[in-house]
Amino acid sequence: GALAAAVAVAAAVVLLAGAARGRGG
């Protein structure tokens, strides 16, 4: 469960950082 949560959080961080760069972050 901890591994699945860590992978989900890492994927979310990657997607949010990509979205911030796309918006001009």
PDBML (XML) file of the C-alpha atoms, coordinates in Angstrom:
<?xml version="1.0" encoding="UTF-8" ?>
<PDBx:datablock datablockName="MODEL"
   xmlns:PDBx="http://pdbml.pdb.org/schema/pdbx-v50.xsd"
   xmlns:xsi="http://www.w3.org/2001/XMLSchema-instance"
   xsi:schemaLocation="http://pdbml.pdb.org/schema/pdbx-v50.xsd pdbx-v50.xsd">
   <PDBx:atom_siteCategory>
      <PDBx:atom_site id="1">
         <PDBx:B_iso_or_equiv>0.00</PDBx:B_iso_or_equiv>
         <PDBx:Cartn_x>0.000</PDBx:Cartn_x>
         <PDBx:Cartn_y>0.000</PDBx:Cartn_y>
         <PDBx:Cartn_z>0.000</PDBx:Cartn_z>
         <PDBx:auth_asym_id>A</PDBx:auth_asym_id>
         <PDBx:auth_atom_id>CA</PDBx:auth_atom_id>
         <PDBx:auth_comp_id>GLY</PDBx:auth_comp_id>
         <PDBx:auth_seq_id>1</PDBx:auth_seq_id>
         <PDBx:group_PDB>ATOM</PDBx:group_PDB>
         <PDBx:label_alt_id xsi:nil="true" />
         <PDBx:label_asym_id>A</PDBx:label_asym_id>
         <PDBx:label_atom_id>CA</PDBx:label_atom_id>
         <PDBx:label_comp_id>GLY</PDBx:label_comp_id>
         <PDBx:label_entity_id>1</PDBx:label_entity_id>
         <PDBx:label_seq_id>1</PDBx:label_seq_id>
         <PDBx:occupancy>1.00</PDBx:occupancy>
         <PDBx:pdbx_PDB_model_num>1</PDBx:pdbx_PDB_model_num>
         <PDBx:type_symbol>C</PDBx:type_symbol>
      </PDBx:atom_site>
      <PDBx:atom_site id="2">
         <PDBx:B_iso_or_equiv>0.00</PDBx:B_iso_or_equiv>
         <PDBx:Cartn_x>2.831</PDBx:Cartn_x>
         <PDBx:Cartn_y>2.398</PDBx:Cartn_y>
         <PDBx:Cartn_z>0.812</PDBx:Cartn_z>
         <PDBx:auth_asym_id>A</PDBx:auth_asym_id>
         <PDBx:auth_atom_id>CA</PDBx:auth_atom_id>
         <PDBx:auth_comp_id>ALA</PDBx:auth_comp_id>
         <PDBx:auth_seq_id>2</PDBx:auth_seq_id>
         <PDBx:group_PDB>ATOM</PDBx:group_PDB>
         <PDBx:label_alt_id xsi:nil="true" />
         <PDBx:label_asym_id>A</PDBx:label_asym_id>
         <PDBx:label_atom_id>CA</PDBx:label_atom_id>
         <PDBx:label_comp_id>ALA</PDBx:label_comp_id>
         <PDBx:label_entity_id>1</PDBx:label_entity_id>
         <PDBx:label_seq_id>2</PDBx:label_seq_id>
         <PDBx:occupancy>1.00</PDBx:occupancy>
         <PDBx:pdbx_PDB_model_num>1</PDBx:pdbx_PDB_model_num>
         <PDBx:type_symbol>C</PDBx:type_symbol>
      </PDBx:atom_site>
      <PDBx:atom_site id="3">
         <PDBx:B_iso_or_equiv>0.00</PDBx:B_iso_or_equiv>
         <PDBx:Cartn_x>4.505</PDBx:Cartn_x>
         <PDBx:Cartn_y>1.577</PDBx:Cartn_y>
         <PDBx:Cartn_z>-2.507</PDBx:Cartn_z>
         <PDBx:auth_asym_id>A</PDBx:auth_asym_id>
         <PDBx:auth_atom_id>CA</PDBx:auth_atom_id>
         <PDBx:auth_comp_id>LEU</PDBx:auth_comp_id>
         <PDBx:auth_seq_id>3</PDBx:auth_seq_id>
         <PDBx:group_PDB>ATOM</PDBx:group_PDB>
         <PDBx:label_alt_id xsi:nil="true" />
         <PDBx:label_asym_id>A</PDBx:label_asym_id>
         <PDBx:label_atom_id>CA</PDBx:label_atom_id>
         <PDBx:label_comp_id>LEU</PDBx:label_comp_id>
         <PDBx:label_entity_id>1</PDBx:label_entity_id>
         <PDBx:label_seq_id>3</PDBx:label_seq_id>
         <PDBx:occupancy>1.00</PDBx:occupancy>
         <PDBx:pdbx_PDB_model_num>1</PDBx:pdbx_PDB_model_num>
         <PDBx:type_symbol>C</PDBx:type_symbol>
      </PDBx:atom_site>
      <PDBx:atom_site id="4">
         <PDBx:B_iso_or_equiv>0.00</PDBx:B_iso_or_equiv>
         <PDBx:Cartn_x>1.265</PDBx:Cartn_x>
         <PDBx:Cartn_y>2.155</PDBx:Cartn_y>
         <PDBx:Cartn_z>-4.424</PDBx:Cartn_z>
         <PDBx:auth_asym_id>A</PDBx:auth_asym_id>
         <PDBx:auth_atom_id>CA</PDBx:auth_atom_id>
         <PDBx:auth_comp_id>ALA</PDBx:auth_comp_id>
         <PDBx:auth_seq_id>4</PDBx:auth_seq_id>
         <PDBx:group_PDB>ATOM</PDBx:group_PDB>
         <PDBx:label_alt_id xsi:nil="true" />
         <PDBx:label_asym_id>A</PDBx:label_asym_id>
         <PDBx:label_atom_id>CA</PDBx:label_atom_id>
         <PDBx:label_comp_id>ALA</PDBx:label_comp_id>
         <PDBx:label_entity_id>1</PDBx:label_entity_id>
         <PDBx:label_seq_id>4</PDBx:label_seq_id>
         <PDBx:occupancy>1.00</PDBx:occupancy>
         <PDBx:pdbx_PDB_model_num>1</PDBx:pdbx_PDB_model_num>
         <PDBx:type_symbol>C</PDBx:type_symbol>
      </PDBx:atom_site>
      <PDBx:atom_site id="5">
         <PDBx:B_iso_or_equiv>0.00</PDBx:B_iso_or_equiv>
         <PDBx:Cartn_x>0.713</PDBx:Cartn_x>
         <PDBx:Cartn_y>5.456</PDBx:Cartn_y>
         <PDBx:Cartn_z>-2.621</PDBx:Cartn_z>
         <PDBx:auth_asym_id>A</PDBx:auth_asym_id>
         <PDBx:auth_atom_id>CA</PDBx:auth_atom_id>
         <PDBx:auth_comp_id>ALA</PDBx:auth_comp_id>
         <PDBx:auth_seq_id>5</PDBx:auth_seq_id>
         <PDBx:group_PDB>ATOM</PDBx:group_PDB>
         <PDBx:label_alt_id xsi:nil="true" />
         <PDBx:label_asym_id>A</PDBx:label_asym_id>
         <PDBx:label_atom_id>CA</PDBx:label_atom_id>
         <PDBx:label_comp_id>ALA</PDBx:label_comp_id>
         <PDBx:label_entity_id>1</PDBx:label_entity_id>
         <PDBx:label_seq_id>5</PDBx:label_seq_id>
         <PDBx:occupancy>1.00</PDBx:occupancy>
         <PDBx:pdbx_PDB_model_num>1</PDBx:pdbx_PDB_model_num>
         <PDBx:type_symbol>C</PDBx:type_symbol>
      </PDBx:atom_site>
      <PDBx:atom_site id="6">
         <PDBx:B_iso_or_equiv>0.00</PDBx:B_iso_or_equiv>
         <PDBx:Cartn_x>4.282</PDBx:Cartn_x>
         <PDBx:Cartn_y>6.588</PDBx:Cartn_y>
         <PDBx:Cartn_z>-3.326</PDBx:Cartn_z>
         <PDBx:auth_asym_id>A</PDBx:auth_asym_id>
         <PDBx:auth_atom_id>CA</PDBx:auth_atom_id>
         <PDBx:auth_comp_id>ALA</PDBx:auth_comp_id>
         <PDBx:auth_seq_id>6</PDBx:auth_seq_id>
         <PDBx:group_PDB>ATOM</PDBx:group_PDB>
         <PDBx:label_alt_id xsi:nil="true" />
         <PDBx:label_asym_id>A</PDBx:label_asym_id>
         <PDBx:label_atom_id>CA</PDBx:label_atom_id>
         <PDBx:label_comp_id>ALA</PDBx:label_comp_id>
         <PDBx:label_entity_id>1</PDBx:label_entity_id>
         <PDBx:label_seq_id>6</PDBx:label_seq_id>
         <PDBx:occupancy>1.00</PDBx:occupancy>
         <PDBx:pdbx_PDB_model_num>1</PDBx:pdbx_PDB_model_num>
         <PDBx:type_symbol>C</PDBx:type_symbol>
      </PDBx:atom_site>
      <PDBx:atom_site id="7">
         <PDBx:B_iso_or_equiv>0.00</PDBx:B_iso_or_equiv>
         <PDBx:Cartn_x>3.923</PDBx:Cartn_x>
         <PDBx:Cartn_y>5.792</PDBx:Cartn_y>
         <PDBx:Cartn_z>-7.034</PDBx:Cartn_z>
         <PDBx:auth_asym_id>A</PDBx:auth_asym_id>
         <PDBx:auth_atom_id>CA</PDBx:auth_atom_id>
         <PDBx:auth_comp_id>VAL</PDBx:auth_comp_id>
         <PDBx:auth_seq_id>7</PDBx:auth_seq_id>
         <PDBx:group_PDB>ATOM</PDBx:group_PDB>
         <PDBx:label_alt_id xsi:nil="true" />
         <PDBx:label_asym_id>A</PDBx:label_asym_id>
         <PDBx:label_atom_id>CA</PDBx:label_atom_id>
         <PDBx:label_comp_id>VAL</PDBx:label_comp_id>
         <PDBx:label_entity_id>1</PDBx:label_entity_id>
         <PDBx:label_seq_id>7</PDBx:label_seq_id>
         <PDBx:occupancy>1.00</PDBx:occupancy>
         <PDBx:pdbx_PDB_model_num>1</PDBx:pdbx_PDB_model_num>
         <PDBx:type_symbol>C</PDBx:type_symbol>
      </PDBx:atom_site>
      <PDBx:atom_site id="8">
         <PDBx:B_iso_or_equiv>0.00</PDBx:B_iso_or_equiv>
         <PDBx:Cartn_x>0.568</PDBx:Cartn_x>
         <PDBx:Cartn_y>7.585</PDBx:Cartn_y>
         <PDBx:Cartn_z>-7.199</PDBx:Cartn_z>
         <PDBx:auth_asym_id>A</PDBx:auth_asym_id>
         <PDBx:auth_atom_id>CA</PDBx:auth_atom_id>
         <PDBx:auth_comp_id>ALA</PDBx:auth_comp_id>
         <PDBx:auth_seq_id>8</PDBx:auth_seq_id>
         <PDBx:group_PDB>ATOM</PDBx:group_PDB>
         <PDBx:label_alt_id xsi:nil="true" />
         <PDBx:label_asym_id>A</PDBx:label_asym_id>
         <PDBx:label_atom_id>CA</PDBx:label_atom_id>
         <PDBx:label_comp_id>ALA</PDBx:label_comp_id>
         <PDBx:label_entity_id>1</PDBx:label_entity_id>
         <PDBx:label_seq_id>8</PDBx:label_seq_id>
         <PDBx:occupancy>1.00</PDBx:occupancy>
         <PDBx:pdbx_PDB_model_num>1</PDBx:pdbx_PDB_model_num>
         <PDBx:type_symbol>C</PDBx:type_symbol>
      </PDBx:atom_site>
      <PDBx:atom_site id="9">
         <PDBx:B_iso_or_equiv>0.00</PDBx:B_iso_or_equiv>
         <PDBx:Cartn_x>1.981</PDBx:Cartn_x>
         <PDBx:Cartn_y>10.668</PDBx:Cartn_y>
         <PDBx:Cartn_z>-5.459</PDBx:Cartn_z>
         <PDBx:auth_asym_id>A</PDBx:auth_asym_id>
         <PDBx:auth_atom_id>CA</PDBx:auth_atom_id>
         <PDBx:auth_comp_id>VAL</PDBx:auth_comp_id>
         <PDBx:auth_seq_id>9</PDBx:auth_seq_id>
         <PDBx:group_PDB>ATOM</PDBx:group_PDB>
         <PDBx:label_alt_id xsi:nil="true" />
         <PDBx:label_asym_id>A</PDBx:label_asym_id>
         <PDBx:label_atom_id>CA</PDBx:label_atom_id>
         <PDBx:label_comp_id>VAL</PDBx:label_comp_id>
         <PDBx:label_entity_id>1</PDBx:label_entity_id>
         <PDBx:label_seq_id>9</PDBx:label_seq_id>
         <PDBx:occupancy>1.00</PDBx:occupancy>
         <PDBx:pdbx_PDB_model_num>1</PDBx:pdbx_PDB_model_num>
         <PDBx:type_symbol>C</PDBx:type_symbol>
      </PDBx:atom_site>
      <PDBx:atom_site id="10">
         <PDBx:B_iso_or_equiv>0.00</PDBx:B_iso_or_equiv>
         <PDBx:Cartn_x>5.043</PDBx:Cartn_x>
         <PDBx:Cartn_y>10.707</PDBx:Cartn_y>
         <PDBx:Cartn_z>-7.716</PDBx:Cartn_z>
         <PDBx:auth_asym_id>A</PDBx:auth_asym_id>
         <PDBx:auth_atom_id>CA</PDBx:auth_atom_id>
         <PDBx:auth_comp_id>ALA</PDBx:auth_comp_id>
         <PDBx:auth_seq_id>10</PDBx:auth_seq_id>
         <PDBx:group_PDB>ATOM</PDBx:group_PDB>
         <PDBx:label_alt_id xsi:nil="true" />
         <PDBx:label_asym_id>A</PDBx:label_asym_id>
         <PDBx:label_atom_id>CA</PDBx:label_atom_id>
         <PDBx:label_comp_id>ALA</PDBx:label_comp_id>
         <PDBx:label_entity_id>1</PDBx:label_entity_id>
         <PDBx:label_seq_id>10</PDBx:label_seq_id>
         <PDBx:occupancy>1.00</PDBx:occupancy>
         <PDBx:pdbx_PDB_model_num>1</PDBx:pdbx_PDB_model_num>
         <PDBx:type_symbol>C</PDBx:type_symbol>
      </PDBx:atom_site>
      <PDBx:atom_site id="11">
         <PDBx:B_iso_or_equiv>0.00</PDBx:B_iso_or_equiv>
         <PDBx:Cartn_x>2.865</PDBx:Cartn_x>
         <PDBx:Cartn_y>10.451</PDBx:Cartn_y>
         <PDBx:Cartn_z>-10.845</PDBx:Cartn_z>
         <PDBx:auth_asym_id>A</PDBx:auth_asym_id>
         <PDBx:auth_atom_id>CA</PDBx:auth_atom_id>
         <PDBx:auth_comp_id>ALA</PDBx:auth_comp_id>
         <PDBx:auth_seq_id>11</PDBx:auth_seq_id>
         <PDBx:group_PDB>ATOM</PDBx:group_PDB>
         <PDBx:label_alt_id xsi:nil="true" />
         <PDBx:label_asym_id>A</PDBx:label_asym_id>
         <PDBx:label_atom_id>CA</PDBx:label_atom_id>
         <PDBx:label_comp_id>ALA</PDBx:label_comp_id>
         <PDBx:label_entity_id>1</PDBx:label_entity_id>
         <PDBx:label_seq_id>11</PDBx:label_seq_id>
         <PDBx:occupancy>1.00</PDBx:occupancy>
         <PDBx:pdbx_PDB_model_num>1</PDBx:pdbx_PDB_model_num>
         <PDBx:type_symbol>C</PDBx:type_symbol>
      </PDBx:atom_site>
      <PDBx:atom_site id="12">
         <PDBx:B_iso_or_equiv>0.00</PDBx:B_iso_or_equiv>
         <PDBx:Cartn_x>0.634</PDBx:Cartn_x>
         <PDBx:Cartn_y>13.260</PDBx:Cartn_y>
         <PDBx:Cartn_z>-9.551</PDBx:Cartn_z>
         <PDBx:auth_asym_id>A</PDBx:auth_asym_id>
         <PDBx:auth_atom_id>CA</PDBx:auth_atom_id>
         <PDBx:auth_comp_id>ALA</PDBx:auth_comp_id>
         <PDBx:auth_seq_id>12</PDBx:auth_seq_id>
         <PDBx:group_PDB>ATOM</PDBx:group_PDB>
         <PDBx:label_alt_id xsi:nil="true" />
         <PDBx:label_asym_id>A</PDBx:label_asym_id>
         <PDBx:label_atom_id>CA</PDBx:label_atom_id>
         <PDBx:label_comp_id>ALA</PDBx:label_comp_id>
         <PDBx:label_entity_id>1</PDBx:label_entity_id>
         <PDBx:label_seq_id>12</PDBx:label_seq_id>
         <PDBx:occupancy>1.00</PDBx:occupancy>
         <PDBx:pdbx_PDB_model_num>1</PDBx:pdbx_PDB_model_num>
         <PDBx:type_symbol>C</PDBx:type_symbol>
      </PDBx:atom_site>
      <PDBx:atom_site id="13">
         <PDBx:B_iso_or_equiv>0.00</PDBx:B_iso_or_equiv>
         <PDBx:Cartn_x>3.673</PDBx:Cartn_x>
         <PDBx:Cartn_y>15.458</PDBx:Cartn_y>
         <PDBx:Cartn_z>-8.860</PDBx:Cartn_z>
         <PDBx:auth_asym_id>A</PDBx:auth_asym_id>
         <PDBx:auth_atom_id>CA</PDBx:auth_atom_id>
         <PDBx:auth_comp_id>VAL</PDBx:auth_comp_id>
         <PDBx:auth_seq_id>13</PDBx:auth_seq_id>
         <PDBx:group_PDB>ATOM</PDBx:group_PDB>
         <PDBx:label_alt_id xsi:nil="true" />
         <PDBx:label_asym_id>A</PDBx:label_asym_id>
         <PDBx:label_atom_id>CA</PDBx:label_atom_id>
         <PDBx:label_comp_id>VAL</PDBx:label_comp_id>
         <PDBx:label_entity_id>1</PDBx:label_entity_id>
         <PDBx:label_seq_id>13</PDBx:label_seq_id>
         <PDBx:occupancy>1.00</PDBx:occupancy>
         <PDBx:pdbx_PDB_model_num>1</PDBx:pdbx_PDB_model_num>
         <PDBx:type_symbol>C</PDBx:type_symbol>
      </PDBx:atom_site>
      <PDBx:atom_site id="14">
         <PDBx:B_iso_or_equiv>0.00</PDBx:B_iso_or_equiv>
         <PDBx:Cartn_x>4.951</PDBx:Cartn_x>
         <PDBx:Cartn_y>14.842</PDBx:Cartn_y>
         <PDBx:Cartn_z>-12.399</PDBx:Cartn_z>
         <PDBx:auth_asym_id>A</PDBx:auth_asym_id>
         <PDBx:auth_atom_id>CA</PDBx:auth_atom_id>
         <PDBx:auth_comp_id>VAL</PDBx:auth_comp_id>
         <PDBx:auth_seq_id>14</PDBx:auth_seq_id>
         <PDBx:group_PDB>ATOM</PDBx:group_PDB>
         <PDBx:label_alt_id xsi:nil="true" />
         <PDBx:label_asym_id>A</PDBx:label_asym_id>
         <PDBx:label_atom_id>CA</PDBx:label_atom_id>
         <PDBx:label_comp_id>VAL</PDBx:label_comp_id>
         <PDBx:label_entity_id>1</PDBx:label_entity_id>
         <PDBx:label_seq_id>14</PDBx:label_seq_id>
         <PDBx:occupancy>1.00</PDBx:occupancy>
         <PDBx:pdbx_PDB_model_num>1</PDBx:pdbx_PDB_model_num>
         <PDBx:type_symbol>C</PDBx:type_symbol>
      </PDBx:atom_site>
      <PDBx:atom_site id="15">
         <PDBx:B_iso_or_equiv>0.00</PDBx:B_iso_or_equiv>
         <PDBx:Cartn_x>1.574</PDBx:Cartn_x>
         <PDBx:Cartn_y>15.677</PDBx:Cartn_y>
         <PDBx:Cartn_z>-13.934</PDBx:Cartn_z>
         <PDBx:auth_asym_id>A</PDBx:auth_asym_id>
         <PDBx:auth_atom_id>CA</PDBx:auth_atom_id>
         <PDBx:auth_comp_id>LEU</PDBx:auth_comp_id>
         <PDBx:auth_seq_id>15</PDBx:auth_seq_id>
         <PDBx:group_PDB>ATOM</PDBx:group_PDB>
         <PDBx:label_alt_id xsi:nil="true" />
         <PDBx:label_asym_id>A</PDBx:label_asym_id>
         <PDBx:label_atom_id>CA</PDBx:label_atom_id>
         <PDBx:label_comp_id>LEU</PDBx:label_comp_id>
         <PDBx:label_entity_id>1</PDBx:label_entity_id>
         <PDBx:label_seq_id>15</PDBx:label_seq_id>
         <PDBx:occupancy>1.00</PDBx:occupancy>
         <PDBx:pdbx_PDB_model_num>1</PDBx:pdbx_PDB_model_num>
         <PDBx:type_symbol>C</PDBx:type_symbol>
      </PDBx:atom_site>
      <PDBx:atom_site id="16">
         <PDBx:B_iso_or_equiv>0.00</PDBx:B_iso_or_equiv>
         <PDBx:Cartn_x>1.032</PDBx:Cartn_x>
         <PDBx:Cartn_y>18.776</PDBx:Cartn_y>
         <PDBx:Cartn_z>-11.787</PDBx:Cartn_z>
         <PDBx:auth_asym_id>A</PDBx:auth_asym_id>
         <PDBx:auth_atom_id>CA</PDBx:auth_atom_id>
         <PDBx:auth_comp_id>LEU</PDBx:auth_comp_id>
         <PDBx:auth_seq_id>16</PDBx:auth_seq_id>
         <PDBx:group_PDB>ATOM</PDBx:group_PDB>
         <PDBx:label_alt_id xsi:nil="true" />
         <PDBx:label_asym_id>A</PDBx:label_asym_id>
         <PDBx:label_atom_id>CA</PDBx:label_atom_id>
         <PDBx:label_comp_id>LEU</PDBx:label_comp_id>
         <PDBx:label_entity_id>1</PDBx:label_entity_id>
         <PDBx:label_seq_id>16</PDBx:label_seq_id>
         <PDBx:occupancy>1.00</PDBx:occupancy>
         <PDBx:pdbx_PDB_model_num>1</PDBx:pdbx_PDB_model_num>
         <PDBx:type_symbol>C</PDBx:type_symbol>
      </PDBx:atom_site>
      <PDBx:atom_site id="17">
         <PDBx:B_iso_or_equiv>0.00</PDBx:B_iso_or_equiv>
         <PDBx:Cartn_x>4.533</PDBx:Cartn_x>
         <PDBx:Cartn_y>20.064</PDBx:Cartn_y>
         <PDBx:Cartn_z>-12.489</PDBx:Cartn_z>
         <PDBx:auth_asym_id>A</PDBx:auth_asym_id>
         <PDBx:auth_atom_id>CA</PDBx:auth_atom_id>
         <PDBx:auth_comp_id>ALA</PDBx:auth_comp_id>
         <PDBx:auth_seq_id>17</PDBx:auth_seq_id>
         <PDBx:group_PDB>ATOM</PDBx:group_PDB>
         <PDBx:label_alt_id xsi:nil="true" />
         <PDBx:label_asym_id>A</PDBx:label_asym_id>
         <PDBx:label_atom_id>CA</PDBx:label_atom_id>
         <PDBx:label_comp_id>ALA</PDBx:label_comp_id>
         <PDBx:label_entity_id>1</PDBx:label_entity_id>
         <PDBx:label_seq_id>17</PDBx:label_seq_id>
         <PDBx:occupancy>1.00</PDBx:occupancy>
         <PDBx:pdbx_PDB_model_num>1</PDBx:pdbx_PDB_model_num>
         <PDBx:type_symbol>C</PDBx:type_symbol>
      </PDBx:atom_site>
      <PDBx:atom_site id="18">
         <PDBx:B_iso_or_equiv>0.00</PDBx:B_iso_or_equiv>
         <PDBx:Cartn_x>3.949</PDBx:Cartn_x>
         <PDBx:Cartn_y>19.519</PDBx:Cartn_y>
         <PDBx:Cartn_z>-16.208</PDBx:Cartn_z>
         <PDBx:auth_asym_id>A</PDBx:auth_asym_id>
         <PDBx:auth_atom_id>CA</PDBx:auth_atom_id>
         <PDBx:auth_comp_id>GLY</PDBx:auth_comp_id>
         <PDBx:auth_seq_id>18</PDBx:auth_seq_id>
         <PDBx:group_PDB>ATOM</PDBx:group_PDB>
         <PDBx:label_alt_id xsi:nil="true" />
         <PDBx:label_asym_id>A</PDBx:label_asym_id>
         <PDBx:label_atom_id>CA</PDBx:label_atom_id>
         <PDBx:label_comp_id>GLY</PDBx:label_comp_id>
         <PDBx:label_entity_id>1</PDBx:label_entity_id>
         <PDBx:label_seq_id>18</PDBx:label_seq_id>
         <PDBx:occupancy>1.00</PDBx:occupancy>
         <PDBx:pdbx_PDB_model_num>1</PDBx:pdbx_PDB_model_num>
         <PDBx:type_symbol>C</PDBx:type_symbol>
      </PDBx:atom_site>
      <PDBx:atom_site id="19">
         <PDBx:B_iso_or_equiv>0.00</PDBx:B_iso_or_equiv>
         <PDBx:Cartn_x>0.643</PDBx:Cartn_x>
         <PDBx:Cartn_y>21.357</PDBx:Cartn_y>
         <PDBx:Cartn_z>-16.014</PDBx:Cartn_z>
         <PDBx:auth_asym_id>A</PDBx:auth_asym_id>
         <PDBx:auth_atom_id>CA</PDBx:auth_atom_id>
         <PDBx:auth_comp_id>ALA</PDBx:auth_comp_id>
         <PDBx:auth_seq_id>19</PDBx:auth_seq_id>
         <PDBx:group_PDB>ATOM</PDBx:group_PDB>
         <PDBx:label_alt_id xsi:nil="true" />
         <PDBx:label_asym_id>A</PDBx:label_asym_id>
         <PDBx:label_atom_id>CA</PDBx:label_atom_id>
         <PDBx:label_comp_id>ALA</PDBx:label_comp_id>
         <PDBx:label_entity_id>1</PDBx:label_entity_id>
         <PDBx:label_seq_id>19</PDBx:label_seq_id>
         <PDBx:occupancy>1.00</PDBx:occupancy>
         <PDBx:pdbx_PDB_model_num>1</PDBx:pdbx_PDB_model_num>
         <PDBx:type_symbol>C</PDBx:type_symbol>
      </PDBx:atom_site>
      <PDBx:atom_site id="20">
         <PDBx:B_iso_or_equiv>0.00</PDBx:B_iso_or_equiv>
         <PDBx:Cartn_x>2.291</PDBx:Cartn_x>
         <PDBx:Cartn_y>24.259</PDBx:Cartn_y>
         <PDBx:Cartn_z>-14.158</PDBx:Cartn_z>
         <PDBx:auth_asym_id>A</PDBx:auth_asym_id>
         <PDBx:auth_atom_id>CA</PDBx:auth_atom_id>
         <PDBx:auth_comp_id>ALA</PDBx:auth_comp_id>
         <PDBx:auth_seq_id>20</PDBx:auth_seq_id>
         <PDBx:group_PDB>ATOM</PDBx:group_PDB>
         <PDBx:label_alt_id xsi:nil="true" />
         <PDBx:label_asym_id>A</PDBx:label_asym_id>
         <PDBx:label_atom_id>CA</PDBx:label_atom_id>
         <PDBx:label_comp_id>ALA</PDBx:label_comp_id>
         <PDBx:label_entity_id>1</PDBx:label_entity_id>
         <PDBx:label_seq_id>20</PDBx:label_seq_id>
         <PDBx:occupancy>1.00</PDBx:occupancy>
         <PDBx:pdbx_PDB_model_num>1</PDBx:pdbx_PDB_model_num>
         <PDBx:type_symbol>C</PDBx:type_symbol>
      </PDBx:atom_site>
      <PDBx:atom_site id="21">
         <PDBx:B_iso_or_equiv>0.00</PDBx:B_iso_or_equiv>
         <PDBx:Cartn_x>4.965</PDBx:Cartn_x>
         <PDBx:Cartn_y>24.533</PDBx:Cartn_y>
         <PDBx:Cartn_z>-16.850</PDBx:Cartn_z>
         <PDBx:auth_asym_id>A</PDBx:auth_asym_id>
         <PDBx:auth_atom_id>CA</PDBx:auth_atom_id>
         <PDBx:auth_comp_id>ARG</PDBx:auth_comp_id>
         <PDBx:auth_seq_id>21</PDBx:auth_seq_id>
         <PDBx:group_PDB>ATOM</PDBx:group_PDB>
         <PDBx:label_alt_id xsi:nil="true" />
         <PDBx:label_asym_id>A</PDBx:label_asym_id>
         <PDBx:label_atom_id>CA</PDBx:label_atom_id>
         <PDBx:label_comp_id>ARG</PDBx:label_comp_id>
         <PDBx:label_entity_id>1</PDBx:label_entity_id>
         <PDBx:label_seq_id>21</PDBx:label_seq_id>
         <PDBx:occupancy>1.00</PDBx:occupancy>
         <PDBx:pdbx_PDB_model_num>1</PDBx:pdbx_PDB_model_num>
         <PDBx:type_symbol>C</PDBx:type_symbol>
      </PDBx:atom_site>
      <PDBx:atom_site id="22">
         <PDBx:B_iso_or_equiv>0.00</PDBx:B_iso_or_equiv>
         <PDBx:Cartn_x>2.290</PDBx:Cartn_x>
         <PDBx:Cartn_y>24.441</PDBx:Cartn_y>
         <PDBx:Cartn_z>-19.537</PDBx:Cartn_z>
         <PDBx:auth_asym_id>A</PDBx:auth_asym_id>
         <PDBx:auth_atom_id>CA</PDBx:auth_atom_id>
         <PDBx:auth_comp_id>GLY</PDBx:auth_comp_id>
         <PDBx:auth_seq_id>22</PDBx:auth_seq_id>
         <PDBx:group_PDB>ATOM</PDBx:group_PDB>
         <PDBx:label_alt_id xsi:nil="true" />
         <PDBx:label_asym_id>A</PDBx:label_asym_id>
         <PDBx:label_atom_id>CA</PDBx:label_atom_id>
         <PDBx:label_comp_id>GLY</PDBx:label_comp_id>
         <PDBx:label_entity_id>1</PDBx:label_entity_id>
         <PDBx:label_seq_id>22</PDBx:label_seq_id>
         <PDBx:occupancy>1.00</PDBx:occupancy>
         <PDBx:pdbx_PDB_model_num>1</PDBx:pdbx_PDB_model_num>
         <PDBx:type_symbol>C</PDBx:type_symbol>
      </PDBx:atom_site>
      <PDBx:atom_site id="23">
         <PDBx:B_iso_or_equiv>0.00</PDBx:B_iso_or_equiv>
         <PDBx:Cartn_x>0.410</PDBx:Cartn_x>
         <PDBx:Cartn_y>27.341</PDBx:Cartn_y>
         <PDBx:Cartn_z>-17.888</PDBx:Cartn_z>
         <PDBx:auth_asym_id>A</PDBx:auth_asym_id>
         <PDBx:auth_atom_id>CA</PDBx:auth_atom_id>
         <PDBx:auth_comp_id>ARG</PDBx:auth_comp_id>
         <PDBx:auth_seq_id>23</PDBx:auth_seq_id>
         <PDBx:group_PDB>ATOM</PDBx:group_PDB>
         <PDBx:label_alt_id xsi:nil="true" />
         <PDBx:label_asym_id>A</PDBx:label_asym_id>
         <PDBx:label_atom_id>CA</PDBx:label_atom_id>
         <PDBx:label_comp_id>ARG</PDBx:label_comp_id>
         <PDBx:label_entity_id>1</PDBx:label_entity_id>
         <PDBx:label_seq_id>23</PDBx:label_seq_id>
         <PDBx:occupancy>1.00</PDBx:occupancy>
         <PDBx:pdbx_PDB_model_num>1</PDBx:pdbx_PDB_model_num>
         <PDBx:type_symbol>C</PDBx:type_symbol>
      </PDBx:atom_site>
      <PDBx:atom_site id="24">
         <PDBx:B_iso_or_equiv>0.00</PDBx:B_iso_or_equiv>
         <PDBx:Cartn_x>3.502</PDBx:Cartn_x>
         <PDBx:Cartn_y>29.440</PDBx:Cartn_y>
         <PDBx:Cartn_z>-17.504</PDBx:Cartn_z>
         <PDBx:auth_asym_id>A</PDBx:auth_asym_id>
         <PDBx:auth_atom_id>CA</PDBx:auth_atom_id>
         <PDBx:auth_comp_id>GLY</PDBx:auth_comp_id>
         <PDBx:auth_seq_id>24</PDBx:auth_seq_id>
         <PDBx:group_PDB>ATOM</PDBx:group_PDB>
         <PDBx:label_alt_id xsi:nil="true" />
         <PDBx:label_asym_id>A</PDBx:label_asym_id>
         <PDBx:label_atom_id>CA</PDBx:label_atom_id>
         <PDBx:label_comp_id>GLY</PDBx:label_comp_id>
         <PDBx:label_entity_id>1</PDBx:label_entity_id>
         <PDBx:label_seq_id>24</PDBx:label_seq_id>
         <PDBx:occupancy>1.00</PDBx:occupancy>
         <PDBx:pdbx_PDB_model_num>1</PDBx:pdbx_PDB_model_num>
         <PDBx:type_symbol>C</PDBx:type_symbol>
      </PDBx:atom_site>
      <PDBx:atom_site id="25">
         <PDBx:B_iso_or_equiv>0.00</PDBx:B_iso_or_equiv>
         <PDBx:Cartn_x>4.464</PDBx:Cartn_x>
         <PDBx:Cartn_y>28.406</PDBx:Cartn_y>
         <PDBx:Cartn_z>-14.017</PDBx:Cartn_z>
         <PDBx:auth_asym_id>A</PDBx:auth_asym_id>
         <PDBx:auth_atom_id>CA</PDBx:auth_atom_id>
         <PDBx:auth_comp_id>GLY</PDBx:auth_comp_id>
         <PDBx:auth_seq_id>25</PDBx:auth_seq_id>
         <PDBx:group_PDB>ATOM</PDBx:group_PDB>
         <PDBx:label_alt_id xsi:nil="true" />
         <PDBx:label_asym_id>A</PDBx:label_asym_id>
         <PDBx:label_atom_id>CA</PDBx:label_atom_id>
         <PDBx:label_comp_id>GLY</PDBx:label_comp_id>
         <PDBx:label_entity_id>1</PDBx:label_entity_id>
         <PDBx:label_seq_id>25</PDBx:label_seq_id>
         <PDBx:occupancy>1.00</PDBx:occupancy>
         <PDBx:pdbx_PDB_model_num>1</PDBx:pdbx_PDB_model_num>
         <PDBx:type_symbol>C</PDBx:type_symbol>
      </PDBx:atom_site>
   </PDBx:atom_siteCategory>
</PDBx:datablock>
